[in-house]
């Protein structure tokens, strides 16, 4: 199990606790579930912006932290929307198989 999958499992457990009314007091993750998709998406936007700023400032320590904050909030969004992290990883694995074949990777079906 990857560290991302482990974190996602914790997030899913927090979601379940929130839904059952047994959430830990002061749980930031449960707070996000309580506030809903708009708040979660707002946090993703904020973290994405902070990631860009850290990159532009050429601060790799801060960049690593901001990327982790961004990924955490994306995972919360996945859990909130009922999308399992393994589904995200599966798509990444499929795309990884296409590495080296950029022409195929960037092909667009203009009929859709």
PDB file of N, CA and C in Angstrom:
ATOM      1  N   UNK A   1       0.845  -1.179   0.000  1.00  0.00           N
ATOM      2  CA  UNK A   1       0.000   0.000   0.000  1.00  0.00           C
ATOM      3  C   UNK A   1       0.893   1.246   0.000  1.00  0.00           C
ATOM      4  N   UNK A   2       0.587   2.176  -0.870  1.00  0.00           N
ATOM      5  CA  UNK A   2       1.372   3.407  -0.944  1.00  0.00           C
ATOM      6  C   UNK A   2       0.994   4.343   0.203  1.00  0.00           C
ATOM      7  N   UNK A   3       1.866   5.292   0.474  1.00  0.00           N
ATOM      8  CA  UNK A   3       1.567   6.273   1.514  1.00  0.00           C
ATOM      9  C   UNK A   3       0.307   7.048   1.145  1.00  0.00           C
ATOM     10  N   UNK A   4       0.087   7.303  -0.137  1.00  0.00           N
ATOM     11  CA  UNK A   4      -1.113   8.008  -0.560  1.00  0.00           C
ATOM     12  C   UNK A   4      -2.365   7.185  -0.244  1.00  0.00           C
ATOM     13  N   UNK A   5      -2.301   5.889  -0.504  1.00  0.00           N
ATOM     14  CA  UNK A   5      -3.449   5.027  -0.206  1.00  0.00           C
ATOM     15  C   UNK A   5      -3.690   4.976   1.301  1.00  0.00           C
ATOM     16  N   UNK A   6      -2.614   4.943   2.097  1.00  0.00           N
ATOM     17  CA  UNK A   6      -2.776   4.938   3.555  1.00  0.00           C
ATOM     18  C   UNK A   6      -3.463   6.216   4.030  1.00  0.00           C
ATOM     19  N   UNK A   7      -3.037   7.341   3.512  1.00  0.00           N
ATOM     20  CA  UNK A   7      -3.650   8.620   3.895  1.00  0.00           C
ATOM     21  C   UNK A   7      -5.107   8.648   3.443  1.00  0.00           C
ATOM     22  N   UNK A   8      -5.361   8.146   2.245  1.00  0.00           N
ATOM     23  CA  UNK A   8      -6.740   8.131   1.748  1.00  0.00           C
ATOM     24  C   UNK A   8      -7.632   7.272   2.628  1.00  0.00           C
ATOM     25  N   UNK A   9      -7.103   6.172   3.127  1.00  0.00           N
ATOM     26  CA  UNK A   9      -7.883   5.320   4.029  1.00  0.00           C
ATOM     27  C   UNK A   9      -8.248   6.067   5.307  1.00  0.00           C
ATOM     28  N   UNK A  10      -7.337   6.862   5.828  1.00  0.00           N
ATOM     29  CA  UNK A  10      -7.627   7.683   7.016  1.00  0.00           C
ATOM     30  C   UNK A  10      -8.718   8.701   6.684  1.00  0.00           C
ATOM     31  N   UNK A  11      -8.599   9.339   5.530  1.00  0.00           N
ATOM     32  CA  UNK A  11      -9.597  10.320   5.108  1.00  0.00           C
ATOM     33  C   UNK A  11     -10.976   9.663   4.987  1.00  0.00           C
ATOM     34  N   UNK A  12     -11.031   8.466   4.387  1.00  0.00           N
ATOM     35  CA  UNK A  12     -12.310   7.758   4.266  1.00  0.00           C
ATOM     36  C   UNK A  12     -12.877   7.407   5.645  1.00  0.00           C
ATOM     37  N   UNK A  13     -12.002   7.033   6.569  1.00  0.00           N
ATOM     38  CA  UNK A  13     -12.462   6.723   7.932  1.00  0.00           C
ATOM     39  C   UNK A  13     -13.031   7.967   8.600  1.00  0.00           C
ATOM     40  N   UNK A  14     -12.395   9.106   8.372  1.00  0.00           N
ATOM     41  CA  UNK A  14     -12.907  10.365   8.928  1.00  0.00           C
ATOM     42  C   UNK A  14     -14.260  10.714   8.315  1.00  0.00           C
ATOM     43  N   UNK A  15     -14.410  10.455   7.021  1.00  0.00           N
ATOM     44  CA  UNK A  15     -15.691  10.724   6.359  1.00  0.00           C
ATOM     45  C   UNK A  15     -16.782   9.852   6.965  1.00  0.00           C
ATOM     46  N   UNK A  16     -16.478   8.591   7.163  1.00  0.00           N
ATOM     47  CA  UNK A  16     -17.450   7.670   7.752  1.00  0.00           C
ATOM     48  C   UNK A  16     -17.829   8.135   9.159  1.00  0.00           C
ATOM     49  N   UNK A  17     -16.832   8.523   9.957  1.00  0.00           N
ATOM     50  CA  UNK A  17     -17.103   9.009  11.312  1.00  0.00           C
ATOM     51  C   UNK A  17     -17.964  10.269  11.264  1.00  0.00           C
ATOM     52  N   UNK A  18     -17.682  11.153  10.329  1.00  0.00           N
ATOM     53  CA  UNK A  18     -18.485  12.375  10.172  1.00  0.00           C
ATOM     54  C   UNK A  18     -19.934  12.012   9.848  1.00  0.00           C
ATOM     55  N   UNK A  19     -20.110  11.106   8.906  1.00  0.00           N
ATOM     56  CA  UNK A  19     -21.461  10.709   8.496  1.00  0.00           C
ATOM     57  C   UNK A  19     -22.224  10.017   9.621  1.00  0.00           C
ATOM     58  N   UNK A  20     -21.507   9.298  10.482  1.00  0.00           N
ATOM     59  CA  UNK A  20     -22.138   8.589  11.594  1.00  0.00           C
ATOM     60  C   UNK A  20     -22.328   9.475  12.824  1.00  0.00           C
ATOM     61  N   UNK A  21     -21.777  10.673  12.769  1.00  0.00           N
ATOM     62  CA  UNK A  21     -21.885  11.575  13.912  1.00  0.00           C
ATOM     63  C   UNK A  21     -20.915  11.268  15.032  1.00  0.00           C
ATOM     64  N   UNK A  22     -19.862  10.523  14.704  1.00  0.00           N
ATOM     65  CA  UNK A  22     -18.871  10.151  15.718  1.00  0.00           C
ATOM     66  C   UNK A  22     -17.512  10.788  15.434  1.00  0.00           C
ATOM     67  N   UNK A  23     -17.519  11.873  14.686  1.00  0.00           N
ATOM     68  CA  UNK A  23     -16.267  12.528  14.289  1.00  0.00           C
ATOM     69  C   UNK A  23     -15.530  13.073  15.497  1.00  0.00           C
ATOM     70  N   UNK A  24     -14.206  12.996  15.423  1.00  0.00           N
ATOM     71  CA  UNK A  24     -13.368  13.594  16.460  1.00  0.00           C
ATOM     72  C   UNK A  24     -13.567  15.094  16.467  1.00  0.00           C
ATOM     73  N   UNK A  25     -13.644  15.655  17.640  1.00  0.00           N
ATOM     74  CA  UNK A  25     -13.727  17.105  17.741  1.00  0.00           C
ATOM     75  C   UNK A  25     -12.402  17.687  17.256  1.00  0.00           C
ATOM     76  N   UNK A  26     -12.460  18.783  16.587  1.00  0.00           N
ATOM     77  CA  UNK A  26     -11.276  19.473  16.055  1.00  0.00           C
ATOM     78  C   UNK A  26     -10.606  18.741  14.896  1.00  0.00           C
ATOM     79  N   UNK A  27     -11.319  17.830  14.222  1.00  0.00           N
ATOM     80  CA  UNK A  27     -10.774  17.161  13.048  1.00  0.00           C
ATOM     81  C   UNK A  27     -10.945  18.080  11.841  1.00  0.00           C
ATOM     82  N   UNK A  28      -9.829  18.514  11.266  1.00  0.00           N
ATOM     83  CA  UNK A  28      -9.879  19.387  10.101  1.00  0.00           C
ATOM     84  C   UNK A  28     -10.544  18.683   8.923  1.00  0.00           C
ATOM     85  N   UNK A  29     -10.265  17.404   8.761  1.00  0.00           N
ATOM     86  CA  UNK A  29     -10.855  16.643   7.663  1.00  0.00           C
ATOM     87  C   UNK A  29     -12.376  16.608   7.800  1.00  0.00           C
ATOM     88  N   UNK A  30     -12.872  16.350   9.007  1.00  0.00           N
ATOM     89  CA  UNK A  30     -14.323  16.328   9.232  1.00  0.00           C
ATOM     90  C   UNK A  30     -14.929  17.715   9.023  1.00  0.00           C
ATOM     91  N   UNK A  31     -14.188  18.746   9.411  1.00  0.00           N
ATOM     92  CA  UNK A  31     -14.638  20.120   9.170  1.00  0.00           C
ATOM     93  C   UNK A  31     -14.857  20.345   7.666  1.00  0.00           C
ATOM     94  N   UNK A  32     -13.930  19.862   6.851  1.00  0.00           N
ATOM     95  CA  UNK A  32     -14.075  20.018   5.406  1.00  0.00           C
ATOM     96  C   UNK A  32     -15.304  19.272   4.890  1.00  0.00           C
ATOM     97  N   UNK A  33     -15.531  18.054   5.403  1.00  0.00           N
ATOM     98  CA  UNK A  33     -16.719  17.315   4.987  1.00  0.00           C
ATOM     99  C   UNK A  33     -17.987  18.045   5.406  1.00  0.00           C
ATOM    100  N   UNK A  34     -17.968  18.634   6.579  1.00  0.00           N
ATOM    101  CA  UNK A  34     -19.128  19.380   7.066  1.00  0.00           C
ATOM    102  C   UNK A  34     -19.428  20.580   6.170  1.00  0.00           C
ATOM    103  N   UNK A  35     -18.389  21.274   5.729  1.00  0.00           N
ATOM    104  CA  UNK A  35     -18.571  22.469   4.907  1.00  0.00           C
ATOM    105  C   UNK A  35     -18.933  22.133   3.471  1.00  0.00           C
ATOM    106  N   UNK A  36     -18.541  20.958   3.000  1.00  0.00           N
ATOM    107  CA  UNK A  36     -18.977  20.499   1.696  1.00  0.00           C
ATOM    108  C   UNK A  36     -18.035  20.808   0.541  1.00  0.00           C
ATOM    109  N   UNK A  37     -18.524  20.472  -0.634  1.00  0.00           N
ATOM    110  CA  UNK A  37     -17.709  20.509  -1.846  1.00  0.00           C
ATOM    111  C   UNK A  37     -17.207  21.914  -2.167  1.00  0.00           C
ATOM    112  N   UNK A  38     -18.016  22.939  -1.907  1.00  0.00           N
ATOM    113  CA  UNK A  38     -17.559  24.304  -2.221  1.00  0.00           C
ATOM    114  C   UNK A  38     -16.320  24.674  -1.414  1.00  0.00           C
ATOM    115  N   UNK A  39     -16.318  24.365  -0.127  1.00  0.00           N
ATOM    116  CA  UNK A  39     -15.167  24.672   0.731  1.00  0.00           C
ATOM    117  C   UNK A  39     -13.957  23.840   0.319  1.00  0.00           C
ATOM    118  N   UNK A  40     -14.182  22.580   0.032  1.00  0.00           N
ATOM    119  CA  UNK A  40     -13.083  21.707  -0.371  1.00  0.00           C
ATOM    120  C   UNK A  40     -12.450  22.222  -1.672  1.00  0.00           C
ATOM    121  N   UNK A  41     -13.282  22.586  -2.627  1.00  0.00           N
ATOM    122  CA  UNK A  41     -12.765  23.108  -3.896  1.00  0.00           C
ATOM    123  C   UNK A  41     -12.048  24.433  -3.698  1.00  0.00           C
ATOM    124  N   UNK A  42     -12.559  25.269  -2.810  1.00  0.00           N
ATOM    125  CA  UNK A  42     -11.888  26.534  -2.512  1.00  0.00           C
ATOM    126  C   UNK A  42     -10.490  26.272  -1.951  1.00  0.00           C
ATOM    127  N   UNK A  43     -10.373  25.291  -1.057  1.00  0.00           N
ATOM    128  CA  UNK A  43      -9.070  24.950  -0.486  1.00  0.00           C
ATOM    129  C   UNK A  43      -8.130  24.412  -1.566  1.00  0.00           C
ATOM    130  N   UNK A  44      -8.639  23.628  -2.490  1.00  0.00           N
ATOM    131  CA  UNK A  44      -7.800  23.124  -3.576  1.00  0.00           C
ATOM    132  C   UNK A  44      -7.271  24.295  -4.399  1.00  0.00           C
ATOM    133  N   UNK A  45      -8.114  25.252  -4.692  1.00  0.00           N
ATOM    134  CA  UNK A  45      -7.683  26.434  -5.427  1.00  0.00           C
ATOM    135  C   UNK A  45      -6.611  27.208  -4.684  1.00  0.00           C
ATOM    136  N   UNK A  46      -6.805  27.378  -3.381  1.00  0.00           N
ATOM    137  CA  UNK A  46      -5.812  28.087  -2.566  1.00  0.00           C
ATOM    138  C   UNK A  46      -4.481  27.346  -2.555  1.00  0.00           C
ATOM    139  N   UNK A  47      -4.546  26.040  -2.373  1.00  0.00           N
ATOM    140  CA  UNK A  47      -3.316  25.245  -2.314  1.00  0.00           C
ATOM    141  C   UNK A  47      -2.624  25.208  -3.676  1.00  0.00           C
ATOM    142  N   UNK A  48      -3.391  25.172  -4.753  1.00  0.00           N
ATOM    143  CA  UNK A  48      -2.788  25.204  -6.089  1.00  0.00           C
ATOM    144  C   UNK A  48      -2.047  26.526  -6.299  1.00  0.00           C
ATOM    145  N   UNK A  49      -2.665  27.610  -5.870  1.00  0.00           N
ATOM    146  CA  UNK A  49      -2.018  28.918  -5.994  1.00  0.00           C
ATOM    147  C   UNK A  49      -0.748  28.985  -5.160  1.00  0.00           C
ATOM    148  N   UNK A  50      -0.808  28.474  -3.943  1.00  0.00           N
ATOM    149  CA  UNK A  50       0.371  28.470  -3.073  1.00  0.00           C
ATOM    150  C   UNK A  50       1.476  27.589  -3.651  1.00  0.00           C
ATOM    151  N   UNK A  51       1.097  26.524  -4.344  1.00  0.00           N
ATOM    152  CA  UNK A  51       2.076  25.661  -5.007  1.00  0.00           C
ATOM    153  C   UNK A  51       2.784  26.434  -6.114  1.00  0.00           C
ATOM    154  N   UNK A  52       2.017  27.160  -6.897  1.00  0.00           N
ATOM    155  CA  UNK A  52       2.597  27.962  -7.978  1.00  0.00           C
ATOM    156  C   UNK A  52       3.540  29.023  -7.413  1.00  0.00           C
ATOM    157  N   UNK A  53       3.121  29.703  -6.351  1.00  0.00           N
ATOM    158  CA  UNK A  53       3.952  30.744  -5.743  1.00  0.00           C
ATOM    159  C   UNK A  53       5.260  30.159  -5.229  1.00  0.00           C
ATOM    160  N   UNK A  54       5.196  29.004  -4.560  1.00  0.00           N
ATOM    161  CA  UNK A  54       6.414  28.368  -4.051  1.00  0.00           C
ATOM    162  C   UNK A  54       7.352  28.009  -5.201  1.00  0.00           C
ATOM    163  N   UNK A  55       6.786  27.527  -6.307  1.00  0.00           N
ATOM    164  CA  UNK A  55       7.613  27.192  -7.471  1.00  0.00           C
ATOM    165  C   UNK A  55       8.245  28.444  -8.057  1.00  0.00           C
ATOM    166  N   UNK A  56       7.456  29.504  -8.185  1.00  0.00           N
ATOM    167  CA  UNK A  56       7.976  30.761  -8.738  1.00  0.00           C
ATOM    168  C   UNK A  56       9.036  31.377  -7.830  1.00  0.00           C
ATOM    169  N   UNK A  57       8.924  31.133  -6.521  1.00  0.00           N
ATOM    170  CA  UNK A  57       9.915  31.637  -5.565  1.00  0.00           C
ATOM    171  C   UNK A  57      11.153  30.740  -5.492  1.00  0.00           C
ATOM    172  N   UNK A  58      11.127  29.647  -6.270  1.00  0.00           N
ATOM    173  CA  UNK A  58      12.242  28.705  -6.309  1.00  0.00           C
ATOM    174  C   UNK A  58      12.593  28.166  -4.921  1.00  0.00           C
ATOM    175  N   UNK A  59      11.542  27.883  -4.136  1.00  0.00           N
ATOM    176  CA  UNK A  59      11.706  27.380  -2.767  1.00  0.00           C
ATOM    177  C   UNK A  59      11.210  25.936  -2.724  1.00  0.00           C
ATOM    178  N   UNK A  60      12.114  24.998  -2.954  1.00  0.00           N
ATOM    179  CA  UNK A  60      11.715  23.596  -3.056  1.00  0.00           C
ATOM    180  C   UNK A  60      11.184  23.008  -1.751  1.00  0.00           C
ATOM    181  N   UNK A  61      11.669  23.492  -0.617  1.00  0.00           N
ATOM    182  CA  UNK A  61      11.115  23.007   0.658  1.00  0.00           C
ATOM    183  C   UNK A  61       9.644  23.402   0.763  1.00  0.00           C
ATOM    184  N   UNK A  62       9.362  24.653   0.480  1.00  0.00           N
ATOM    185  CA  UNK A  62       7.980  25.131   0.517  1.00  0.00           C
ATOM    186  C   UNK A  62       7.155  24.472  -0.572  1.00  0.00           C
ATOM    187  N   UNK A  63       7.748  24.279  -1.730  1.00  0.00           N
ATOM    188  CA  UNK A  63       7.047  23.624  -2.834  1.00  0.00           C
ATOM    189  C   UNK A  63       6.614  22.216  -2.446  1.00  0.00           C
ATOM    190  N   UNK A  64       7.494  21.457  -1.836  1.00  0.00           N
ATOM    191  CA  UNK A  64       7.149  20.098  -1.404  1.00  0.00           C
ATOM    192  C   UNK A  64       5.990  20.119  -0.407  1.00  0.00           C
ATOM    193  N   UNK A  65       6.029  21.070   0.517  1.00  0.00           N
ATOM    194  CA  UNK A  65       4.943  21.193   1.493  1.00  0.00           C
ATOM    195  C   UNK A  65       3.625  21.556   0.816  1.00  0.00           C
ATOM    196  N   UNK A  66       3.666  22.491  -0.098  1.00  0.00           N
ATOM    197  CA  UNK A  66       2.441  22.927  -0.768  1.00  0.00           C
ATOM    198  C   UNK A  66       1.872  21.828  -1.662  1.00  0.00           C
ATOM    199  N   UNK A  67       2.729  21.063  -2.314  1.00  0.00           N
ATOM    200  CA  UNK A  67       2.249  19.944  -3.132  1.00  0.00           C
ATOM    201  C   UNK A  67       1.535  18.931  -2.243  1.00  0.00           C
ATOM    202  N   UNK A  68       2.090  18.656  -1.077  1.00  0.00           N
ATOM    203  CA  UNK A  68       1.425  17.730  -0.151  1.00  0.00           C
ATOM    204  C   UNK A  68       0.091  18.275   0.327  1.00  0.00           C
ATOM    205  N   UNK A  69       0.027  19.579   0.630  1.00  0.00           N
ATOM    206  CA  UNK A  69      -1.251  20.177   1.016  1.00  0.00           C
ATOM    207  C   UNK A  69      -2.272  20.049  -0.114  1.00  0.00           C
ATOM    208  N   UNK A  70      -1.824  20.288  -1.342  1.00  0.00           N
ATOM    209  CA  UNK A  70      -2.703  20.180  -2.498  1.00  0.00           C
ATOM    210  C   UNK A  70      -3.213  18.752  -2.664  1.00  0.00           C
ATOM    211  N   UNK A  71      -2.310  17.785  -2.581  1.00  0.00           N
ATOM    212  CA  UNK A  71      -2.716  16.387  -2.730  1.00  0.00           C
ATOM    213  C   UNK A  71      -3.682  15.962  -1.638  1.00  0.00           C
ATOM    214  N   UNK A  72      -3.444  16.408  -0.404  1.00  0.00           N
ATOM    215  CA  UNK A  72      -4.357  16.079   0.696  1.00  0.00           C
ATOM    216  C   UNK A  72      -5.766  16.587   0.376  1.00  0.00           C
ATOM    217  N   UNK A  73      -5.875  17.833  -0.050  1.00  0.00           N
ATOM    218  CA  UNK A  73      -7.194  18.391  -0.321  1.00  0.00           C
ATOM    219  C   UNK A  73      -7.851  17.724  -1.530  1.00  0.00           C
ATOM    220  N   UNK A  74      -7.053  17.319  -2.513  1.00  0.00           N
ATOM    221  CA  UNK A  74      -7.594  16.565  -3.644  1.00  0.00           C
ATOM    222  C   UNK A  74      -8.136  15.219  -3.150  1.00  0.00           C
ATOM    223  N   UNK A  75      -7.436  14.590  -2.226  1.00  0.00           N
ATOM    224  CA  UNK A  75      -7.914  13.322  -1.667  1.00  0.00           C
ATOM    225  C   UNK A  75      -9.222  13.511  -0.896  1.00  0.00           C
ATOM    226  N   UNK A  76      -9.330  14.601  -0.160  1.00  0.00           N
ATOM    227  CA  UNK A  76     -10.578  14.888   0.553  1.00  0.00           C
ATOM    228  C   UNK A  76     -11.709  15.060  -0.450  1.00  0.00           C
ATOM    229  N   UNK A  77     -11.440  15.762  -1.555  1.00  0.00           N
ATOM    230  CA  UNK A  77     -12.449  15.923  -2.597  1.00  0.00           C
ATOM    231  C   UNK A  77     -12.862  14.568  -3.167  1.00  0.00           C
ATOM    232  N   UNK A  78     -11.886  13.716  -3.441  1.00  0.00           N
ATOM    233  CA  UNK A  78     -12.196  12.376  -3.957  1.00  0.00           C
ATOM    234  C   UNK A  78     -13.124  11.638  -2.998  1.00  0.00           C
ATOM    235  N   UNK A  79     -12.772  11.623  -1.721  1.00  0.00           N
ATOM    236  CA  UNK A  79     -13.592  10.932  -0.726  1.00  0.00           C
ATOM    237  C   UNK A  79     -14.979  11.555  -0.653  1.00  0.00           C
ATOM    238  N   UNK A  80     -15.040  12.858  -0.688  1.00  0.00           N
ATOM    239  CA  UNK A  80     -16.328  13.553  -0.612  1.00  0.00           C
ATOM    240  C   UNK A  80     -17.227  13.181  -1.788  1.00  0.00           C
ATOM    241  N   UNK A  81     -16.617  12.995  -2.955  1.00  0.00           N
ATOM    242  CA  UNK A  81     -17.373  12.723  -4.170  1.00  0.00           C
ATOM    243  C   UNK A  81     -17.572  11.220  -4.412  1.00  0.00           C
ATOM    244  N   UNK A  82     -17.034  10.388  -3.534  1.00  0.00           N
ATOM    245  CA  UNK A  82     -17.185   8.947  -3.694  1.00  0.00           C
ATOM    246  C   UNK A  82     -16.244   8.337  -4.719  1.00  0.00           C
ATOM    247  N   UNK A  83     -15.169   9.050  -5.021  1.00  0.00           N
ATOM    248  CA  UNK A  83     -14.163   8.552  -5.967  1.00  0.00           C
ATOM    249  C   UNK A  83     -13.018   7.949  -5.174  1.00  0.00           C
ATOM    250  N   UNK A  84     -12.735   6.688  -5.414  1.00  0.00           N
ATOM    251  CA  UNK A  84     -11.672   6.030  -4.664  1.00  0.00           C
ATOM    252  C   UNK A  84     -10.309   6.403  -5.229  1.00  0.00           C
ATOM    253  N   UNK A  85      -9.326   6.534  -4.354  1.00  0.00           N
ATOM    254  CA  UNK A  85      -7.977   6.908  -4.775  1.00  0.00           C
ATOM    255  C   UNK A  85      -7.404   5.882  -5.753  1.00  0.00           C
ATOM    256  N   UNK A  86      -7.787   4.628  -5.606  1.00  0.00           N
ATOM    257  CA  UNK A  86      -7.292   3.593  -6.527  1.00  0.00           C
ATOM    258  C   UNK A  86      -7.758   3.865  -7.958  1.00  0.00           C
ATOM    259  N   UNK A  87      -8.910   4.518  -8.114  1.00  0.00           N
ATOM    260  CA  UNK A  87      -9.375   4.886  -9.454  1.00  0.00           C
ATOM    261  C   UNK A  87      -8.467   5.935 -10.070  1.00  0.00           C
ATOM    262  N   UNK A  88      -7.989   6.865  -9.251  1.00  0.00           N
ATOM    263  CA  UNK A  88      -7.064   7.899  -9.715  1.00  0.00           C
ATOM    264  C   UNK A  88      -5.736   7.256 -10.092  1.00  0.00           C
ATOM    265  N   UNK A  89      -5.241   6.361  -9.228  1.00  0.00           N
ATOM    266  CA  UNK A  89      -3.981   5.677  -9.497  1.00  0.00           C
ATOM    267  C   UNK A  89      -4.070   4.824 -10.762  1.00  0.00           C
ATOM    268  N   UNK A  90      -5.224   4.201 -10.983  1.00  0.00           N
ATOM    269  CA  UNK A  90      -5.407   3.358 -12.168  1.00  0.00           C
ATOM    270  C   UNK A  90      -5.227   4.180 -13.441  1.00  0.00           C
ATOM    271  N   UNK A  91      -5.791   5.374 -13.465  1.00  0.00           N
ATOM    272  CA  UNK A  91      -5.648   6.237 -14.639  1.00  0.00           C
ATOM    273  C   UNK A  91      -4.189   6.641 -14.815  1.00  0.00           C
ATOM    274  N   UNK A  92      -3.509   6.933 -13.715  1.00  0.00           N
ATOM    275  CA  UNK A  92      -2.097   7.288 -13.799  1.00  0.00           C
ATOM    276  C   UNK A  92      -1.276   6.119 -14.345  1.00  0.00           C
ATOM    277  N   UNK A  93      -1.597   4.905 -13.892  1.00  0.00           N
ATOM    278  CA  UNK A  93      -0.906   3.723 -14.410  1.00  0.00           C
ATOM    279  C   UNK A  93      -1.153   3.564 -15.909  1.00  0.00           C
ATOM    280  N   UNK A  94      -2.396   3.788 -16.341  1.00  0.00           N
ATOM    281  CA  UNK A  94      -2.713   3.686 -17.770  1.00  0.00           C
ATOM    282  C   UNK A  94      -1.930   4.718 -18.574  1.00  0.00           C
ATOM    283  N   UNK A  95      -1.833   5.913 -18.037  1.00  0.00           N
ATOM    284  CA  UNK A  95      -1.077   6.966 -18.732  1.00  0.00           C
ATOM    285  C   UNK A  95       0.411   6.647 -18.733  1.00  0.00           C
ATOM    286  N   UNK A  96       0.891   6.025 -17.673  1.00  0.00           N
ATOM    287  CA  UNK A  96       2.296   5.652 -17.588  1.00  0.00           C
ATOM    288  C   UNK A  96       2.663   4.667 -18.689  1.00  0.00           C
ATOM    289  N   UNK A  97       1.731   3.809 -19.057  1.00  0.00           N
ATOM    290  CA  UNK A  97       1.975   2.850 -20.132  1.00  0.00           C
ATOM    291  C   UNK A  97       2.134   3.540 -21.478  1.00  0.00           C
ATOM    292  N   UNK A  98       1.622   4.756 -21.601  1.00  0.00           N
ATOM    293  CA  UNK A  98       1.687   5.490 -22.858  1.00  0.00           C
ATOM    294  C   UNK A  98       2.921   6.379 -22.951  1.00  0.00           C
ATOM    295  N   UNK A  99       3.717   6.438 -21.884  1.00  0.00           N
ATOM    296  CA  UNK A  99       4.910   7.291 -21.910  1.00  0.00           C
ATOM    297  C   UNK A  99       5.801   6.862 -23.060  1.00  0.00           C
ATOM    298  N   UNK A 100       6.299   7.826 -23.776  1.00  0.00           N
ATOM    299  CA  UNK A 100       7.155   7.534 -24.919  1.00  0.00           C
ATOM    300  C   UNK A 100       6.391   7.548 -26.223  1.00  0.00           C
ATOM    301  N   UNK A 101       5.080   7.600 -26.117  1.00  0.00           N
ATOM    302  CA  UNK A 101       4.269   7.645 -27.319  1.00  0.00           C
ATOM    303  C   UNK A 101       3.405   8.904 -27.250  1.00  0.00           C
ATOM    304  N   UNK A 102       4.060  10.065 -27.328  1.00  0.00           N
ATOM    305  CA  UNK A 102       3.369  11.338 -27.165  1.00  0.00           C
ATOM    306  C   UNK A 102       2.301  11.563 -28.229  1.00  0.00           C
ATOM    307  N   UNK A 103       2.539  11.079 -29.429  1.00  0.00           N
ATOM    308  CA  UNK A 103       1.549  11.270 -30.485  1.00  0.00           C
ATOM    309  C   UNK A 103       0.245  10.570 -30.093  1.00  0.00           C
ATOM    310  N   UNK A 104       0.330   9.363 -29.595  1.00  0.00           N
ATOM    311  CA  UNK A 104      -0.862   8.634 -29.173  1.00  0.00           C
ATOM    312  C   UNK A 104      -1.468   9.286 -27.942  1.00  0.00           C
ATOM    313  N   UNK A 105      -0.643   9.748 -27.009  1.00  0.00           N
ATOM    314  CA  UNK A 105      -1.112  10.333 -25.758  1.00  0.00           C
ATOM    315  C   UNK A 105      -1.901  11.599 -26.010  1.00  0.00           C
ATOM    316  N   UNK A 106      -1.502  12.384 -27.005  1.00  0.00           N
ATOM    317  CA  UNK A 106      -2.144  13.676 -27.257  1.00  0.00           C
ATOM    318  C   UNK A 106      -3.197  13.618 -28.360  1.00  0.00           C
ATOM    319  N   UNK A 107      -3.565  12.451 -28.812  1.00  0.00           N
ATOM    320  CA  UNK A 107      -4.580  12.321 -29.841  1.00  0.00           C
ATOM    321  C   UNK A 107      -5.929  12.686 -29.265  1.00  0.00           C
ATOM    322  N   UNK A 108      -6.674  13.491 -29.988  1.00  0.00           N
ATOM    323  CA  UNK A 108      -7.989  13.927 -29.545  1.00  0.00           C
ATOM    324  C   UNK A 108      -9.017  13.444 -30.558  1.00  0.00           C
ATOM    325  N   UNK A 109     -10.096  12.884 -30.054  1.00  0.00           N
ATOM    326  CA  UNK A 109     -11.194  12.478 -30.918  1.00  0.00           C
ATOM    327  C   UNK A 109     -12.069  13.695 -31.159  1.00  0.00           C
ATOM    328  N   UNK A 110     -12.008  14.250 -32.340  1.00  0.00           N
ATOM    329  CA  UNK A 110     -12.728  15.486 -32.645  1.00  0.00           C
ATOM    330  C   UNK A 110     -14.227  15.245 -32.840  1.00  0.00           C
ATOM    331  N   UNK A 111     -14.663  13.993 -32.808  1.00  0.00           N
ATOM    332  CA  UNK A 111     -16.083  13.681 -32.960  1.00  0.00           C
ATOM    333  C   UNK A 111     -16.827  13.689 -31.627  1.00  0.00           C
ATOM    334  N   UNK A 112     -16.118  13.885 -30.532  1.00  0.00           N
ATOM    335  CA  UNK A 112     -16.785  13.867 -29.229  1.00  0.00           C
ATOM    336  C   UNK A 112     -16.845  15.237 -28.628  1.00  0.00           C
TER     337      UNK A 112
END
